[in-house]
PDB file of N, CA and C in Angstrom:
ATOM      1  N   UNK A   1     -24.105 262.824  88.874  1.00  0.00           N
ATOM      2  CA  UNK A   1     -23.341 262.037  87.907  1.00  0.00           C
ATOM      3  C   UNK A   1     -24.100 260.753  87.592  1.00  0.00           C
ATOM      4  N   UNK A   2     -24.144 260.387  86.315  1.00  0.00           N
ATOM      5  CA  UNK A   2     -24.877 259.203  85.892  1.00  0.00           C
ATOM      6  C   UNK A   2     -24.122 257.924  86.202  1.00  0.00           C
ATOM      7  N   UNK A   3     -24.811 256.834  86.007  1.00  0.00           N
ATOM      8  CA  UNK A   3     -24.229 255.507  86.198  1.00  0.00           C
ATOM      9  C   UNK A   3     -23.409 255.149  84.955  1.00  0.00           C
ATOM     10  N   UNK A   4     -22.246 254.541  85.153  1.00  0.00           N
ATOM     11  CA  UNK A   4     -21.358 254.181  84.051  1.00  0.00           C
ATOM     12  C   UNK A   4     -21.283 252.671  83.871  1.00  0.00           C
ATOM     13  N   UNK A   5     -21.047 252.252  82.626  1.00  0.00           N
ATOM     14  CA  UNK A   5     -20.869 250.831  82.358  1.00  0.00           C
ATOM     15  C   UNK A   5     -19.385 250.473  82.363  1.00  0.00           C
ATOM     16  N   UNK A   6     -19.100 249.181  82.188  1.00  0.00           N
ATOM     17  CA  UNK A   6     -17.716 248.697  82.259  1.00  0.00           C
ATOM     18  C   UNK A   6     -16.834 249.235  81.136  1.00  0.00           C
ATOM     19  N   UNK A   7     -17.449 249.814  80.112  1.00  0.00           N
ATOM     20  CA  UNK A   7     -16.685 250.399  79.008  1.00  0.00           C
ATOM     21  C   UNK A   7     -16.444 251.889  79.217  1.00  0.00           C
ATOM     22  N   UNK A   8     -16.990 252.441  80.321  1.00  0.00           N
ATOM     23  CA  UNK A   8     -16.805 253.851  80.632  1.00  0.00           C
ATOM     24  C   UNK A   8     -17.876 254.762  80.077  1.00  0.00           C
ATOM     25  N   UNK A   9     -18.855 254.204  79.382  1.00  0.00           N
ATOM     26  CA  UNK A   9     -19.958 254.998  78.838  1.00  0.00           C
ATOM     27  C   UNK A   9     -21.153 255.004  79.766  1.00  0.00           C
ATOM     28  N   UNK A  10     -22.216 255.661  79.340  1.00  0.00           N
ATOM     29  CA  UNK A  10     -23.451 255.684  80.127  1.00  0.00           C
ATOM     30  C   UNK A  10     -24.031 254.280  80.211  1.00  0.00           C
ATOM     31  N   UNK A  11     -24.479 253.910  81.405  1.00  0.00           N
ATOM     32  CA  UNK A  11     -25.102 252.610  81.617  1.00  0.00           C
ATOM     33  C   UNK A  11     -26.412 252.537  80.841  1.00  0.00           C
ATOM     34  N   UNK A  12     -26.548 251.495  80.028  1.00  0.00           N
ATOM     35  CA  UNK A  12     -27.751 251.285  79.225  1.00  0.00           C
ATOM     36  C   UNK A  12     -28.691 250.318  79.944  1.00  0.00           C
ATOM     37  N   UNK A  13     -29.990 250.403  79.693  1.00  0.00           N
ATOM     38  CA  UNK A  13     -30.926 249.453  80.303  1.00  0.00           C
ATOM     39  C   UNK A  13     -30.571 248.016  79.932  1.00  0.00           C
ATOM     40  N   UNK A  14     -30.854 247.099  80.836  1.00  0.00           N
ATOM     41  CA  UNK A  14     -30.608 245.675  80.615  1.00  0.00           C
ATOM     42  C   UNK A  14     -31.866 244.992  80.084  1.00  0.00           C
ATOM     43  N   UNK A  15     -32.986 245.140  80.806  1.00  0.00           N
ATOM     44  CA  UNK A  15     -34.225 244.511  80.363  1.00  0.00           C
ATOM     45  C   UNK A  15     -35.429 245.093  81.089  1.00  0.00           C
ATOM     46  N   UNK A  16     -36.486 245.312  80.322  1.00  0.00           N
ATOM     47  CA  UNK A  16     -37.770 245.690  80.916  1.00  0.00           C
ATOM     48  C   UNK A  16     -38.799 244.592  80.695  1.00  0.00           C
ATOM     49  N   UNK A  17     -38.421 243.520  79.985  1.00  0.00           N
ATOM     50  CA  UNK A  17     -39.304 242.377  79.776  1.00  0.00           C
ATOM     51  C   UNK A  17     -38.469 241.109  79.712  1.00  0.00           C
ATOM     52  N   UNK A  18     -38.194 240.472  80.854  1.00  0.00           N
ATOM     53  CA  UNK A  18     -38.726 240.801  82.175  1.00  0.00           C
ATOM     54  C   UNK A  18     -38.008 242.008  82.777  1.00  0.00           C
ATOM     55  N   UNK A  19     -38.732 242.711  83.634  1.00  0.00           N
ATOM     56  CA  UNK A  19     -38.124 243.874  84.290  1.00  0.00           C
ATOM     57  C   UNK A  19     -37.111 243.385  85.314  1.00  0.00           C
ATOM     58  N   UNK A  20     -35.911 243.948  85.250  1.00  0.00           N
ATOM     59  CA  UNK A  20     -34.811 243.487  86.088  1.00  0.00           C
ATOM     60  C   UNK A  20     -34.213 244.641  86.867  1.00  0.00           C
ATOM     61  N   UNK A  21     -33.157 244.343  87.590  1.00  0.00           N
ATOM     62  CA  UNK A  21     -32.458 245.328  88.412  1.00  0.00           C
ATOM     63  C   UNK A  21     -32.889 245.230  89.865  1.00  0.00           C
ATOM     64  N   UNK A  22     -31.986 245.538  90.752  1.00  0.00           N
ATOM     65  CA  UNK A  22     -32.290 245.484  92.188  1.00  0.00           C
ATOM     66  C   UNK A  22     -33.497 246.356  92.507  1.00  0.00           C
ATOM     67  N   UNK A  23     -33.617 247.480  91.811  1.00  0.00           N
ATOM     68  CA  UNK A  23     -34.735 248.397  92.036  1.00  0.00           C
ATOM     69  C   UNK A  23     -35.866 248.186  91.023  1.00  0.00           C
ATOM     70  N   UNK A  24     -35.770 247.109  90.242  1.00  0.00           N
ATOM     71  CA  UNK A  24     -36.769 246.758  89.229  1.00  0.00           C
ATOM     72  C   UNK A  24     -37.103 247.956  88.327  1.00  0.00           C
ATOM     73  N   UNK A  25     -36.024 248.553  87.815  1.00  0.00           N
ATOM     74  CA  UNK A  25     -36.185 249.667  86.880  1.00  0.00           C
ATOM     75  C   UNK A  25     -35.551 249.353  85.524  1.00  0.00           C
ATOM     76  N   UNK A  26     -35.145 248.101  85.331  1.00  0.00           N
ATOM     77  CA  UNK A  26     -34.581 247.682  84.056  1.00  0.00           C
ATOM     78  C   UNK A  26     -33.083 247.854  83.928  1.00  0.00           C
ATOM     79  N   UNK A  27     -32.433 248.445  84.954  1.00  0.00           N
ATOM     80  CA  UNK A  27     -30.996 248.732  84.881  1.00  0.00           C
ATOM     81  C   UNK A  27     -30.220 248.004  85.975  1.00  0.00           C
ATOM     82  N   UNK A  28     -28.989 247.626  85.631  1.00  0.00           N
ATOM     83  CA  UNK A  28     -28.088 246.968  86.580  1.00  0.00           C
ATOM     84  C   UNK A  28     -27.230 248.021  87.279  1.00  0.00           C
ATOM     85  N   UNK A  29     -27.891 249.012  87.829  1.00  0.00           N
ATOM     86  CA  UNK A  29     -27.181 250.132  88.449  1.00  0.00           C
ATOM     87  C   UNK A  29     -26.684 249.779  89.846  1.00  0.00           C
ATOM     88  N   UNK A  30     -25.846 250.634  90.362  1.00  0.00           N
ATOM     89  CA  UNK A  30     -25.319 250.471  91.716  1.00  0.00           C
ATOM     90  C   UNK A  30     -25.518 251.785  92.450  1.00  0.00           C
ATOM     91  N   UNK A  31     -26.457 251.779  93.377  1.00  0.00           N
ATOM     92  CA  UNK A  31     -26.707 252.959  94.208  1.00  0.00           C
ATOM     93  C   UNK A  31     -26.076 252.811  95.591  1.00  0.00           C
ATOM     94  N   UNK A  32     -25.387 251.694  95.811  1.00  0.00           N
ATOM     95  CA  UNK A  32     -24.747 251.459  97.097  1.00  0.00           C
ATOM     96  C   UNK A  32     -25.640 250.786  98.122  1.00  0.00           C
ATOM     97  N   UNK A  33     -26.869 250.412  97.733  1.00  0.00           N
ATOM     98  CA  UNK A  33     -27.788 249.804  98.693  1.00  0.00           C
ATOM     99  C   UNK A  33     -28.139 248.356  98.347  1.00  0.00           C
ATOM    100  N   UNK A  34     -27.432 247.760  97.407  1.00  0.00           N
ATOM    101  CA  UNK A  34     -27.699 246.390  96.973  1.00  0.00           C
ATOM    102  C   UNK A  34     -26.586 245.479  97.464  1.00  0.00           C
ATOM    103  N   UNK A  35     -26.815 244.729  98.552  1.00  0.00           N
ATOM    104  CA  UNK A  35     -25.763 243.861  99.082  1.00  0.00           C
ATOM    105  C   UNK A  35     -25.366 242.742  98.118  1.00  0.00           C
ATOM    106  N   UNK A  36     -26.250 242.408  97.161  1.00  0.00           N
ATOM    107  CA  UNK A  36     -25.943 241.341  96.209  1.00  0.00           C
ATOM    108  C   UNK A  36     -25.196 241.797  94.982  1.00  0.00           C
ATOM    109  N   UNK A  37     -25.031 243.102  94.823  1.00  0.00           N
ATOM    110  CA  UNK A  37     -24.321 243.647  93.654  1.00  0.00           C
ATOM    111  C   UNK A  37     -24.861 243.057  92.349  1.00  0.00           C
ATOM    112  N   UNK A  38     -26.141 243.290  92.063  1.00  0.00           N
ATOM    113  CA  UNK A  38     -26.782 242.830  90.828  1.00  0.00           C
ATOM    114  C   UNK A  38     -26.386 243.779  89.691  1.00  0.00           C
ATOM    115  N   UNK A  39     -25.126 243.725  89.300  1.00  0.00           N
ATOM    116  CA  UNK A  39     -24.562 244.715  88.386  1.00  0.00           C
ATOM    117  C   UNK A  39     -24.162 244.166  87.019  1.00  0.00           C
ATOM    118  N   UNK A  40     -24.267 242.852  86.826  1.00  0.00           N
ATOM    119  CA  UNK A  40     -23.904 242.227  85.551  1.00  0.00           C
ATOM    120  C   UNK A  40     -25.176 241.990  84.745  1.00  0.00           C
ATOM    121  N   UNK A  41     -25.239 242.571  83.555  1.00  0.00           N
ATOM    122  CA  UNK A  41     -26.374 242.306  82.668  1.00  0.00           C
ATOM    123  C   UNK A  41     -26.047 241.046  81.883  1.00  0.00           C
ATOM    124  N   UNK A  42     -26.649 239.941  82.308  1.00  0.00           N
ATOM    125  CA  UNK A  42     -26.391 238.661  81.658  1.00  0.00           C
ATOM    126  C   UNK A  42     -27.486 238.275  80.689  1.00  0.00           C
ATOM    127  N   UNK A  43     -27.084 237.694  79.567  1.00  0.00           N
ATOM    128  CA  UNK A  43     -28.036 237.070  78.642  1.00  0.00           C
ATOM    129  C   UNK A  43     -28.083 235.598  79.053  1.00  0.00           C
ATOM    130  N   UNK A  44     -29.185 235.236  79.661  1.00  0.00           N
ATOM    131  CA  UNK A  44     -29.318 233.971  80.380  1.00  0.00           C
ATOM    132  C   UNK A  44     -29.238 232.757  79.448  1.00  0.00           C
ATOM    133  N   UNK A  45     -28.568 231.713  79.946  1.00  0.00           N
ATOM    134  CA  UNK A  45     -28.445 230.438  79.241  1.00  0.00           C
ATOM    135  C   UNK A  45     -28.946 229.318  80.148  1.00  0.00           C
ATOM    136  N   UNK A  46     -29.256 228.163  79.561  1.00  0.00           N
ATOM    137  CA  UNK A  46     -29.632 226.993  80.356  1.00  0.00           C
ATOM    138  C   UNK A  46     -28.537 226.643  81.365  1.00  0.00           C
ATOM    139  N   UNK A  47     -27.280 226.704  80.907  1.00  0.00           N
ATOM    140  CA  UNK A  47     -26.159 226.342  81.780  1.00  0.00           C
ATOM    141  C   UNK A  47     -26.081 227.264  82.993  1.00  0.00           C
ATOM    142  N   UNK A  48     -26.269 228.555  82.771  1.00  0.00           N
ATOM    143  CA  UNK A  48     -26.220 229.490  83.893  1.00  0.00           C
ATOM    144  C   UNK A  48     -27.393 229.260  84.835  1.00  0.00           C
ATOM    145  N   UNK A  49     -28.588 229.008  84.295  1.00  0.00           N
ATOM    146  CA  UNK A  49     -29.750 228.745  85.154  1.00  0.00           C
ATOM    147  C   UNK A  49     -29.517 227.515  86.030  1.00  0.00           C
ATOM    148  N   UNK A  50     -28.974 226.459  85.444  1.00  0.00           N
ATOM    149  CA  UNK A  50     -28.685 225.243  86.219  1.00  0.00           C
ATOM    150  C   UNK A  50     -27.622 225.509  87.275  1.00  0.00           C
ATOM    151  N   UNK A  51     -26.579 226.239  86.899  1.00  0.00           N
ATOM    152  CA  UNK A  51     -25.522 226.568  87.854  1.00  0.00           C
ATOM    153  C   UNK A  51     -26.086 227.368  89.024  1.00  0.00           C
ATOM    154  N   UNK A  52     -26.876 228.381  88.722  1.00  0.00           N
ATOM    155  CA  UNK A  52     -27.438 229.230  89.769  1.00  0.00           C
ATOM    156  C   UNK A  52     -28.362 228.431  90.686  1.00  0.00           C
ATOM    157  N   UNK A  53     -29.187 227.577  90.091  1.00  0.00           N
ATOM    158  CA  UNK A  53     -30.099 226.745  90.883  1.00  0.00           C
ATOM    159  C   UNK A  53     -29.316 225.817  91.808  1.00  0.00           C
ATOM    160  N   UNK A  54     -28.265 225.213  91.291  1.00  0.00           N
ATOM    161  CA  UNK A  54     -27.441 224.305  92.091  1.00  0.00           C
ATOM    162  C   UNK A  54     -26.734 225.025  93.238  1.00  0.00           C
ATOM    163  N   UNK A  55     -26.614 226.346  93.122  1.00  0.00           N
ATOM    164  CA  UNK A  55     -25.964 227.139  94.157  1.00  0.00           C
ATOM    165  C   UNK A  55     -26.963 227.957  94.975  1.00  0.00           C
ATOM    166  N   UNK A  56     -28.223 227.514  94.962  1.00  0.00           N
ATOM    167  CA  UNK A  56     -29.213 228.072  95.871  1.00  0.00           C
ATOM    168  C   UNK A  56     -30.056 229.220  95.373  1.00  0.00           C
ATOM    169  N   UNK A  57     -29.948 229.575  94.082  1.00  0.00           N
ATOM    170  CA  UNK A  57     -30.761 230.675  93.557  1.00  0.00           C
ATOM    171  C   UNK A  57     -31.461 230.205  92.287  1.00  0.00           C
ATOM    172  N   UNK A  58     -32.682 229.696  92.460  1.00  0.00           N
ATOM    173  CA  UNK A  58     -33.469 229.181  91.350  1.00  0.00           C
ATOM    174  C   UNK A  58     -34.122 230.347  90.614  1.00  0.00           C
ATOM    175  N   UNK A  59     -33.598 230.668  89.453  1.00  0.00           N
ATOM    176  CA  UNK A  59     -34.106 231.785  88.663  1.00  0.00           C
ATOM    177  C   UNK A  59     -35.092 231.349  87.587  1.00  0.00           C
ATOM    178  N   UNK A  60     -35.300 230.048  87.426  1.00  0.00           N
ATOM    179  CA  UNK A  60     -36.163 229.568  86.348  1.00  0.00           C
ATOM    180  C   UNK A  60     -37.581 229.246  86.804  1.00  0.00           C
ATOM    181  N   UNK A  61     -37.792 229.007  88.077  1.00  0.00           N
ATOM    182  CA  UNK A  61     -39.124 228.665  88.577  1.00  0.00           C
ATOM    183  C   UNK A  61     -39.946 229.925  88.834  1.00  0.00           C
ATOM    184  N   UNK A  62     -41.135 230.006  88.237  1.00  0.00           N
ATOM    185  CA  UNK A  62     -41.994 231.174  88.482  1.00  0.00           C
ATOM    186  C   UNK A  62     -42.365 231.302  89.963  1.00  0.00           C
ATOM    187  N   UNK A  63     -42.424 232.536  90.432  1.00  0.00           N
ATOM    188  CA  UNK A  63     -42.876 232.850  91.789  1.00  0.00           C
ATOM    189  C   UNK A  63     -43.888 233.984  91.667  1.00  0.00           C
ATOM    190  N   UNK A  64     -45.137 233.632  91.311  1.00  0.00           N
ATOM    191  CA  UNK A  64     -46.145 234.661  91.053  1.00  0.00           C
ATOM    192  C   UNK A  64     -46.402 235.578  92.247  1.00  0.00           C
ATOM    193  N   UNK A  65     -46.180 235.080  93.450  1.00  0.00           N
ATOM    194  CA  UNK A  65     -46.394 235.918  94.635  1.00  0.00           C
ATOM    195  C   UNK A  65     -45.466 237.124  94.666  1.00  0.00           C
ATOM    196  N   UNK A  66     -44.370 237.038  93.891  1.00  0.00           N
ATOM    197  CA  UNK A  66     -43.434 238.163  93.785  1.00  0.00           C
ATOM    198  C   UNK A  66     -43.478 238.812  92.406  1.00  0.00           C
ATOM    199  N   UNK A  67     -44.439 238.391  91.585  1.00  0.00           N
ATOM    200  CA  UNK A  67     -44.533 238.926  90.233  1.00  0.00           C
ATOM    201  C   UNK A  67     -43.387 238.466  89.346  1.00  0.00           C
ATOM    202  N   UNK A  68     -42.836 237.276  89.645  1.00  0.00           N
ATOM    203  CA  UNK A  68     -41.676 236.762  88.912  1.00  0.00           C
ATOM    204  C   UNK A  68     -42.099 235.556  88.081  1.00  0.00           C
ATOM    205  N   UNK A  69     -41.980 235.679  86.769  1.00  0.00           N
ATOM    206  CA  UNK A  69     -42.420 234.617  85.860  1.00  0.00           C
ATOM    207  C   UNK A  69     -41.372 233.528  85.654  1.00  0.00           C
ATOM    208  N   UNK A  70     -40.178 233.713  86.192  1.00  0.00           N
ATOM    209  CA  UNK A  70     -39.088 232.773  85.948  1.00  0.00           C
ATOM    210  C   UNK A  70     -38.358 233.144  84.667  1.00  0.00           C
ATOM    211  N   UNK A  71     -37.065 232.898  84.651  1.00  0.00           N
ATOM    212  CA  UNK A  71     -36.249 233.246  83.484  1.00  0.00           C
ATOM    213  C   UNK A  71     -36.101 232.061  82.548  1.00  0.00           C
ATOM    214  N   UNK A  72     -35.893 232.371  81.290  1.00  0.00           N
ATOM    215  CA  UNK A  72     -35.643 231.356  80.281  1.00  0.00           C
ATOM    216  C   UNK A  72     -34.423 231.801  79.459  1.00  0.00           C
ATOM    217  N   UNK A  73     -33.787 230.862  78.775  1.00  0.00           N
ATOM    218  CA  UNK A  73     -32.642 231.233  77.950  1.00  0.00           C
ATOM    219  C   UNK A  73     -32.995 232.366  76.992  1.00  0.00           C
ATOM    220  N   UNK A  74     -32.077 233.315  76.882  1.00  0.00           N
ATOM    221  CA  UNK A  74     -32.268 234.479  76.021  1.00  0.00           C
ATOM    222  C   UNK A  74     -32.743 235.707  76.768  1.00  0.00           C
ATOM    223  N   UNK A  75     -33.372 235.501  77.953  1.00  0.00           N
ATOM    224  CA  UNK A  75     -33.754 236.653  78.768  1.00  0.00           C
ATOM    225  C   UNK A  75     -32.495 237.383  79.223  1.00  0.00           C
ATOM    226  N   UNK A  76     -32.623 238.677  79.432  1.00  0.00           N
ATOM    227  CA  UNK A  76     -31.526 239.447  80.020  1.00  0.00           C
ATOM    228  C   UNK A  76     -31.926 239.787  81.446  1.00  0.00           C
ATOM    229  N   UNK A  77     -30.935 239.689  82.366  1.00  0.00           N
ATOM    230  CA  UNK A  77     -31.219 239.814  83.785  1.00  0.00           C
ATOM    231  C   UNK A  77     -29.991 240.347  84.502  1.00  0.00           C
ATOM    232  N   UNK A  78     -30.204 241.196  85.486  1.00  0.00           N
ATOM    233  CA  UNK A  78     -29.102 241.697  86.303  1.00  0.00           C
ATOM    234  C   UNK A  78     -28.719 240.622  87.317  1.00  0.00           C
ATOM    235  N   UNK A  79     -27.557 240.044  87.130  1.00  0.00           N
ATOM    236  CA  UNK A  79     -27.097 238.985  88.028  1.00  0.00           C
ATOM    237  C   UNK A  79     -26.015 239.524  88.953  1.00  0.00           C
ATOM    238  N   UNK A  80     -25.856 238.841  90.074  1.00  0.00           N
ATOM    239  CA  UNK A  80     -24.851 239.240  91.065  1.00  0.00           C
ATOM    240  C   UNK A  80     -23.449 239.060  90.485  1.00  0.00           C
ATOM    241  N   UNK A  81     -22.607 240.042  90.711  1.00  0.00           N
ATOM    242  CA  UNK A  81     -21.238 239.984  90.195  1.00  0.00           C
ATOM    243  C   UNK A  81     -20.503 238.752  90.719  1.00  0.00           C
ATOM    244  N   UNK A  82     -20.658 238.448  92.002  1.00  0.00           N
ATOM    245  CA  UNK A  82     -19.989 237.268  92.570  1.00  0.00           C
ATOM    246  C   UNK A  82     -20.492 235.974  91.949  1.00  0.00           C
ATOM    247  N   UNK A  83     -21.810 235.865  91.723  1.00  0.00           N
ATOM    248  CA  UNK A  83     -22.375 234.643  91.121  1.00  0.00           C
ATOM    249  C   UNK A  83     -21.883 234.491  89.694  1.00  0.00           C
ATOM    250  N   UNK A  84     -21.827 235.602  88.939  1.00  0.00           N
ATOM    251  CA  UNK A  84     -21.326 235.502  87.577  1.00  0.00           C
ATOM    252  C   UNK A  84     -19.875 235.025  87.589  1.00  0.00           C
ATOM    253  N   UNK A  85     -19.086 235.567  88.512  1.00  0.00           N
ATOM    254  CA  UNK A  85     -17.673 235.162  88.608  1.00  0.00           C
ATOM    255  C   UNK A  85     -17.562 233.676  88.962  1.00  0.00           C
ATOM    256  N   UNK A  86     -18.386 233.200  89.897  1.00  0.00           N
ATOM    257  CA  UNK A  86     -18.385 231.767  90.245  1.00  0.00           C
ATOM    258  C   UNK A  86     -18.723 230.924  89.015  1.00  0.00           C
ATOM    259  N   UNK A  87     -19.751 231.350  88.286  1.00  0.00           N
ATOM    260  CA  UNK A  87     -20.156 230.613  87.087  1.00  0.00           C
ATOM    261  C   UNK A  87     -19.040 230.651  86.040  1.00  0.00           C
ATOM    262  N   UNK A  88     -18.393 231.784  85.891  1.00  0.00           N
ATOM    263  CA  UNK A  88     -17.279 231.915  84.964  1.00  0.00           C
ATOM    264  C   UNK A  88     -16.171 230.926  85.318  1.00  0.00           C
ATOM    265  N   UNK A  89     -15.810 230.885  86.589  1.00  0.00           N
ATOM    266  CA  UNK A  89     -14.729 229.989  87.033  1.00  0.00           C
ATOM    267  C   UNK A  89     -15.092 228.527  86.847  1.00  0.00           C
ATOM    268  N   UNK A  90     -16.398 228.214  86.832  1.00  0.00           N
ATOM    269  CA  UNK A  90     -16.871 226.846  86.630  1.00  0.00           C
ATOM    270  C   UNK A  90     -17.182 226.552  85.163  1.00  0.00           C
ATOM    271  N   UNK A  91     -16.931 227.529  84.282  1.00  0.00           N
ATOM    272  CA  UNK A  91     -17.205 227.335  82.865  1.00  0.00           C
ATOM    273  C   UNK A  91     -18.686 227.378  82.514  1.00  0.00           C
ATOM    274  N   UNK A  92     -19.509 228.051  83.354  1.00  0.00           N
ATOM    275  CA  UNK A  92     -20.954 228.093  83.151  1.00  0.00           C
ATOM    276  C   UNK A  92     -21.497 229.516  83.035  1.00  0.00           C
ATOM    277  N   UNK A  93     -20.625 230.480  82.799  1.00  0.00           N
ATOM    278  CA  UNK A  93     -21.060 231.883  82.753  1.00  0.00           C
ATOM    279  C   UNK A  93     -21.930 232.152  81.530  1.00  0.00           C
ATOM    280  N   UNK A  94     -22.931 232.990  81.724  1.00  0.00           N
ATOM    281  CA  UNK A  94     -23.751 233.445  80.602  1.00  0.00           C
ATOM    282  C   UNK A  94     -23.031 234.614  79.926  1.00  0.00           C
ATOM    283  N   UNK A  95     -23.493 234.942  78.733  1.00  0.00           N
ATOM    284  CA  UNK A  95     -22.945 236.101  78.040  1.00  0.00           C
ATOM    285  C   UNK A  95     -23.313 237.376  78.789  1.00  0.00           C
ATOM    286  N   UNK A  96     -22.554 238.436  78.533  1.00  0.00           N
ATOM    287  CA  UNK A  96     -22.710 239.702  79.240  1.00  0.00           C
ATOM    288  C   UNK A  96     -22.957 240.819  78.231  1.00  0.00           C
ATOM    289  N   UNK A  97     -23.931 241.662  78.532  1.00  0.00           N
ATOM    290  CA  UNK A  97     -24.168 242.863  77.726  1.00  0.00           C
ATOM    291  C   UNK A  97     -23.323 243.967  78.365  1.00  0.00           C
ATOM    292  N   UNK A  98     -22.177 244.239  77.776  1.00  0.00           N
ATOM    293  CA  UNK A  98     -21.195 245.145  78.380  1.00  0.00           C
ATOM    294  C   UNK A  98     -21.741 246.551  78.602  1.00  0.00           C
ATOM    295  N   UNK A  99     -22.493 247.059  77.652  1.00  0.00           N
ATOM    296  CA  UNK A  99     -23.019 248.426  77.764  1.00  0.00           C
ATOM    297  C   UNK A  99     -24.030 248.564  78.905  1.00  0.00           C
ATOM    298  N   UNK A 100     -24.562 247.429  79.374  1.00  0.00           N
ATOM    299  CA  UNK A 100     -25.574 247.425  80.432  1.00  0.00           C
ATOM    300  C   UNK A 100     -25.053 246.851  81.746  1.00  0.00           C
ATOM    301  N   UNK A 101     -23.741 246.608  81.819  1.00  0.00           N
ATOM    302  CA  UNK A 101     -23.110 246.069  83.024  1.00  0.00           C
ATOM    303  C   UNK A 101     -22.390 247.199  83.745  1.00  0.00           C
ATOM    304  N   UNK A 102     -22.737 247.384  85.011  1.00  0.00           N
ATOM    305  CA  UNK A 102     -22.229 248.520  85.779  1.00  0.00           C
ATOM    306  C   UNK A 102     -20.723 248.425  86.026  1.00  0.00           C
ATOM    307  N   UNK A 103     -20.081 249.577  85.997  1.00  0.00           N
ATOM    308  CA  UNK A 103     -18.639 249.673  86.192  1.00  0.00           C
ATOM    309  C   UNK A 103     -18.159 249.033  87.496  1.00  0.00           C
ATOM    310  N   UNK A 104     -18.973 249.066  88.542  1.00  0.00           N
ATOM    311  CA  UNK A 104     -18.546 248.491  89.825  1.00  0.00           C
ATOM    312  C   UNK A 104     -18.318 246.984  89.741  1.00  0.00           C
ATOM    313  N   UNK A 105     -18.800 246.355  88.680  1.00  0.00           N
ATOM    314  CA  UNK A 105     -18.544 244.930  88.461  1.00  0.00           C
ATOM    315  C   UNK A 105     -17.049 244.663  88.388  1.00  0.00           C
ATOM    316  N   UNK A 106     -16.283 245.648  87.925  1.00  0.00           N
ATOM    317  CA  UNK A 106     -14.839 245.476  87.758  1.00  0.00           C
ATOM    318  C   UNK A 106     -14.107 245.314  89.085  1.00  0.00           C
ATOM    319  N   UNK A 107     -14.801 245.538  90.206  1.00  0.00           N
ATOM    320  CA  UNK A 107     -14.226 245.251  91.522  1.00  0.00           C
ATOM    321  C   UNK A 107     -14.154 243.744  91.760  1.00  0.00           C
ATOM    322  N   UNK A 108     -14.928 242.973  90.981  1.00  0.00           N
ATOM    323  CA  UNK A 108     -15.034 241.525  91.173  1.00  0.00           C
ATOM    324  C   UNK A 108     -14.528 240.713  89.991  1.00  0.00           C
ATOM    325  N   UNK A 109     -14.644 241.285  88.801  1.00  0.00           N
ATOM    326  CA  UNK A 109     -14.375 240.546  87.563  1.00  0.00           C
ATOM    327  C   UNK A 109     -13.490 241.388  86.657  1.00  0.00           C
ATOM    328  N   UNK A 110     -12.523 240.740  86.007  1.00  0.00           N
ATOM    329  CA  UNK A 110     -11.660 241.438  85.054  1.00  0.00           C
ATOM    330  C   UNK A 110     -12.430 241.779  83.784  1.00  0.00           C
ATOM    331  N   UNK A 111     -12.153 242.947  83.241  1.00  0.00           N
ATOM    332  CA  UNK A 111     -12.797 243.362  82.007  1.00  0.00           C
ATOM    333  C   UNK A 111     -12.510 242.367  80.879  1.00  0.00           C
ATOM    334  N   UNK A 112     -11.311 241.810  80.846  1.00  0.00           N
ATOM    335  CA  UNK A 112     -10.969 240.840  79.798  1.00  0.00           C
ATOM    336  C   UNK A 112     -11.895 239.623  79.859  1.00  0.00           C
ATOM    337  N   UNK A 113     -12.247 239.181  81.062  1.00  0.00           N
ATOM    338  CA  UNK A 113     -13.151 238.036  81.209  1.00  0.00           C
ATOM    339  C   UNK A 113     -14.562 238.403  80.764  1.00  0.00           C
ATOM    340  N   UNK A 114     -14.988 239.620  81.089  1.00  0.00           N
ATOM    341  CA  UNK A 114     -16.304 240.073  80.628  1.00  0.00           C
ATOM    342  C   UNK A 114     -16.326 240.177  79.105  1.00  0.00           C
ATOM    343  N   UNK A 115     -15.266 240.737  78.534  1.00  0.00           N
ATOM    344  CA  UNK A 115     -15.203 240.883  77.075  1.00  0.00           C
ATOM    345  C   UNK A 115     -15.220 239.501  76.390  1.00  0.00           C
ATOM    346  N   UNK A 116     -14.580 238.522  77.009  1.00  0.00           N
ATOM    347  CA  UNK A 116     -14.560 237.173  76.438  1.00  0.00           C
ATOM    348  C   UNK A 116     -15.959 236.561  76.392  1.00  0.00           C
ATOM    349  N   UNK A 117     -16.862 237.090  77.202  1.00  0.00           N
ATOM    350  CA  UNK A 117     -18.253 236.612  77.248  1.00  0.00           C
ATOM    351  C   UNK A 117     -19.235 237.667  76.769  1.00  0.00           C
ATOM    352  N   UNK A 118     -18.755 238.617  75.987  1.00  0.00           N
ATOM    353  CA  UNK A 118     -19.625 239.669  75.483  1.00  0.00           C
ATOM    354  C   UNK A 118     -20.737 239.065  74.630  1.00  0.00           C
ATOM    355  N   UNK A 119     -21.968 239.461  74.935  1.00  0.00           N
ATOM    356  CA  UNK A 119     -23.119 238.980  74.180  1.00  0.00           C
ATOM    357  C   UNK A 119     -23.076 239.524  72.760  1.00  0.00           C
ATOM    358  N   UNK A 120     -23.383 238.676  71.801  1.00  0.00           N
ATOM    359  CA  UNK A 120     -23.477 239.179  70.424  1.00  0.00           C
ATOM    360  C   UNK A 120     -24.672 240.122  70.309  1.00  0.00           C
ATOM    361  N   UNK A 121     -24.636 241.047  69.378  1.00  0.00           N
ATOM    362  CA  UNK A 121     -25.784 241.957  69.197  1.00  0.00           C
ATOM    363  C   UNK A 121     -27.054 241.164  68.914  1.00  0.00           C
ATOM    364  N   UNK A 122     -28.169 241.721  69.341  1.00  0.00           N
ATOM    365  CA  UNK A 122     -29.472 241.073  69.078  1.00  0.00           C
ATOM    366  C   UNK A 122     -29.749 240.969  67.605  1.00  0.00           C
TER     367      UNK A 122
END
C-alpha cells in the first residue's frame, strides 16, 4: 500500500532541490522509523526559520559536512509534525503543501489548521 497524504490521496514529493525527507528521497513519508515524524511538507518562511532556530533546530545555517546548504524562504522541506504544531500555536507556522504532507500528521495537527495554512500553488 502506498503512502497517503492528509487529503487521502497519494503522497506527492515535497522537494528534491533541496532534497528533503527523513530518508532524503524528496518525500515526507512515514515508514515508522523516523522518531521526529518529518511528515509536514512546509514551504519555509523567515518566521518559521527563526522560530525553529530559537527552539534548537537551526535550519538556515549551511552544514557542508552533511551536504546541507541551509534553507531559505520559499524552499520546501519535511518538517517535524510537533515542531510545525508548536510554530502554529506561536503564530509562526509556515505554509503547508497538503498533497505532500503525510496522513500521519493528523495524529498531531487538525486538518482544519493545516488547511488554514495551505500553500498557494507555485
